[in-house]
Amino acid sequence: MSFSEKQKELVKQSWEIMKQDIPALSLYFFTQVLEIAPGAKGLFSFLKDTDEIPQNNPKLKAHAVKVFKMTCESAIQLREKGEFVVSDTTLKYLGSVHLQKGIAAPHFEVVKVGLLRTIEKGVGEKWCEDMKAAWSESYDQLAAAIQAEMTKEAAEMNKLAAEINKEAP
């Protein structure tokens, strides 16, 4: 799906608004994900031993900013270049980490809902269905790229395991 000019402009305007408050919106984004799926807390070493979402946890803050910015910047790349762009190294890393953590398709949907809620909060009254559609498309492309890398890495691991098993006595 390509963005309409209106959607491109909505993404640009909304990102300009959200860039003004990335730290707070990043924590809100992460909080939304964990409210939707509390069990996801166990996927993060810096949250495993706590009953609450620690708003002052520096590792959480850093991770939330990194994830939120990358996700939002993918929408900007899609808007500007007409395609999703993440470096091969970053994509390979994301695929590897998500595969190791056992992330599955439903997890990506939870993150999408959290992202859309955060954007809605971040832009306030400027939120509309066209903006939601543009951000949804961008996120879906990011999730598909990560999932494709996960599939590729899983296949490589299976191939390596099969080769090792062939050689084993």
Protein backbone atom coordinates (compact mmCIF):
# COMPACT_ATOMS: atom_id res chain seq x y z
CA MET A 1 0.00 0.00 0.00
CA SER A 2 1.32 3.43 -0.82
CA PHE A 3 0.46 6.44 1.23
CA SER A 4 -1.86 9.07 -0.10
CA GLU A 5 -0.55 12.63 -0.02
CA LYS A 6 -2.96 13.31 2.82
CA GLN A 7 -1.62 10.37 4.83
CA LYS A 8 1.97 11.46 4.17
CA GLU A 9 1.18 14.90 5.52
CA LEU A 10 -0.64 13.48 8.54
CA VAL A 11 2.35 11.30 9.44
CA LYS A 12 4.72 14.23 9.05
CA GLN A 13 2.57 16.55 11.16
CA SER A 14 2.01 13.98 13.87
CA TRP A 15 5.70 13.08 14.12
CA GLU A 16 6.62 16.77 14.41
CA ILE A 17 4.19 17.05 17.33
CA MET A 18 5.37 13.86 19.01
CA LYS A 19 9.09 14.69 18.68
CA GLN A 20 8.49 17.44 21.21
CA ASP A 21 7.84 14.89 23.95
CA ILE A 22 9.61 11.65 22.99
CA PRO A 23 10.65 10.63 26.54
CA ALA A 24 7.13 10.88 27.99
CA LEU A 25 5.44 9.36 24.94
CA SER A 26 7.98 6.53 24.88
CA LEU A 27 7.16 5.58 28.46
CA TYR A 28 3.44 5.89 27.72
CA PHE A 29 3.92 3.59 24.70
CA PHE A 30 5.75 0.99 26.77
CA THR A 31 3.18 1.29 29.57
CA GLN A 32 0.38 0.69 27.07
CA VAL A 33 2.05 -2.47 25.79
CA LEU A 34 2.48 -3.80 29.32
CA GLU A 35 -1.08 -2.89 30.31
CA ILE A 36 -2.43 -4.77 27.30
CA ALA A 37 -0.14 -7.76 27.88
CA PRO A 38 1.18 -7.81 31.47
CA GLY A 39 2.96 -11.09 30.83
CA ALA A 40 5.25 -9.32 28.36
CA LYS A 41 7.05 -7.84 31.34
CA GLY A 42 8.92 -11.13 31.70
CA LEU A 43 10.51 -10.60 28.29
CA PHE A 44 12.58 -7.72 29.64
CA SER A 45 15.40 -8.44 32.09
CA PHE A 46 15.08 -4.99 33.63
CA LEU A 47 11.41 -5.60 34.54
CA LYS A 48 11.40 -9.25 35.62
CA ASP A 49 11.75 -8.71 39.37
CA THR A 50 9.20 -5.95 39.85
CA ASP A 51 5.43 -5.92 40.29
CA GLU A 52 4.96 -2.47 38.81
CA ILE A 53 6.14 -0.71 35.71
CA PRO A 54 9.02 1.34 37.11
CA GLN A 55 8.64 4.79 35.58
CA ASN A 56 12.07 5.81 36.84
CA ASN A 57 13.93 2.73 35.62
CA PRO A 58 16.73 4.11 33.40
CA LYS A 59 16.95 0.89 31.37
CA LEU A 60 13.21 1.01 30.71
CA LYS A 61 13.42 4.66 29.69
CA ALA A 62 16.32 4.01 27.31
CA HIS A 63 14.65 0.95 25.79
CA ALA A 64 11.29 2.68 25.43
CA VAL A 65 12.83 5.68 23.66
CA LYS A 66 14.82 3.44 21.31
CA VAL A 67 11.82 1.30 20.36
CA PHE A 68 9.40 4.23 20.03
CA LYS A 69 11.78 6.32 17.93
CA MET A 70 12.67 3.45 15.59
CA THR A 71 9.03 2.56 15.11
CA CYS A 72 8.01 6.15 14.42
CA GLU A 73 10.98 6.83 12.19
CA SER A 74 10.02 3.84 10.05
CA ALA A 75 6.75 5.65 9.28
CA ILE A 76 8.70 8.74 8.28
CA GLN A 77 10.94 6.66 6.00
CA LEU A 78 7.90 5.07 4.43
CA ARG A 79 6.37 8.48 3.93
CA GLU A 80 9.53 10.00 2.45
CA LYS A 81 10.94 7.06 0.47
CA GLY A 82 7.85 5.04 -0.28
CA GLU A 83 9.46 2.01 1.31
CA PHE A 84 10.40 0.69 4.71
CA VAL A 85 14.12 1.13 5.42
CA VAL A 86 16.12 -0.30 8.31
CA SER A 87 19.77 -1.29 8.01
CA ASP A 88 20.43 -4.98 7.42
CA THR A 89 22.46 -5.13 10.63
CA THR A 90 19.63 -3.62 12.70
CA LEU A 91 17.04 -5.84 11.08
CA LYS A 92 19.17 -8.96 11.65
CA TYR A 93 19.62 -7.95 15.30
CA LEU A 94 15.89 -7.30 15.75
CA GLY A 95 15.03 -10.63 14.16
CA SER A 96 17.54 -12.45 16.36
CA VAL A 97 16.40 -10.83 19.60
CA HIS A 98 12.72 -11.33 18.86
CA LEU A 99 13.33 -14.96 17.91
CA GLN A 100 15.35 -15.62 21.08
CA LYS A 101 12.61 -14.06 23.23
CA GLY A 102 9.94 -16.20 21.58
CA ILE A 103 8.04 -13.25 20.15
CA ALA A 104 5.09 -14.30 17.98
CA ALA A 105 2.57 -12.57 15.71
CA PRO A 106 0.16 -11.72 18.57
CA HIS A 107 2.95 -9.83 20.34
CA PHE A 108 3.38 -7.59 17.30
CA GLU A 109 -0.35 -6.81 17.36
CA VAL A 110 -0.13 -5.78 21.03
CA VAL A 111 2.70 -3.40 20.21
CA LYS A 112 0.70 -1.98 17.31
CA VAL A 113 -2.26 -1.22 19.57
CA GLY A 114 0.09 0.41 22.11
CA LEU A 115 1.71 2.48 19.37
CA LEU A 116 -1.60 3.70 17.97
CA ARG A 117 -2.84 4.63 21.46
CA THR A 118 0.37 6.54 22.04
CA ILE A 119 0.15 8.43 18.78
CA GLU A 120 -3.48 9.26 19.51
CA LYS A 121 -2.46 10.62 22.91
CA GLY A 122 0.53 12.45 21.45
CA VAL A 123 -1.39 14.30 18.75
CA GLY A 124 -4.63 14.82 20.67
CA GLU A 125 -7.42 16.36 18.64
CA LYS A 126 -5.47 15.98 15.38
CA TRP A 127 -5.98 12.19 15.56
CA CYS A 128 -8.14 10.81 12.73
CA GLU A 129 -8.79 7.56 10.85
CA ASP A 130 -6.45 8.52 7.99
CA MET A 131 -3.62 9.08 10.47
CA LYS A 132 -4.39 5.75 12.11
CA ALA A 133 -4.30 4.03 8.70
CA ALA A 134 -0.95 5.60 7.77
CA TRP A 135 0.71 4.67 11.06
CA SER A 136 -0.84 1.18 10.93
CA GLU A 137 0.58 0.56 7.47
CA SER A 138 4.02 1.68 8.54
CA TYR A 139 4.01 -0.46 11.66
CA ASP A 140 2.73 -3.47 9.70
CA GLN A 141 5.68 -3.14 7.31
CA LEU A 142 8.15 -2.92 10.21
CA ALA A 143 6.60 -5.96 11.91
CA ALA A 144 6.62 -7.92 8.63
CA ALA A 145 10.32 -7.13 8.09
CA ILE A 146 11.22 -8.25 11.62
CA GLN A 147 9.12 -11.40 11.29
CA ALA A 148 10.73 -12.22 7.92
CA GLU A 149 14.15 -11.91 9.54
CA MET A 150 13.00 -14.13 12.41
CA THR A 151 11.86 -16.77 9.91
CA LYS A 152 15.15 -16.52 8.03
CA GLU A 153 17.20 -16.92 11.22
CA ALA A 154 15.06 -19.83 12.43
CA ALA A 155 15.61 -21.58 9.08
CA GLU A 156 19.37 -21.00 9.34
CA MET A 157 19.38 -22.39 12.89
CA ASN A 158 17.37 -25.45 11.80
CA LYS A 159 19.74 -26.05 8.88
CA LEU A 160 22.76 -25.80 11.18
CA ALA A 161 21.14 -28.17 13.69
CA ALA A 162 20.40 -30.67 10.92
CA GLU A 163 24.03 -30.52 9.74
CA ILE A 164 25.28 -31.06 13.29
CA ASN A 165 22.90 -34.01 13.74
CA LYS A 166 24.18 -35.58 10.49
CA GLU A 167 27.73 -35.41 11.75
CA ALA A 168 26.92 -36.70 15.24
CA PRO A 169 27.65 -40.44 15.83
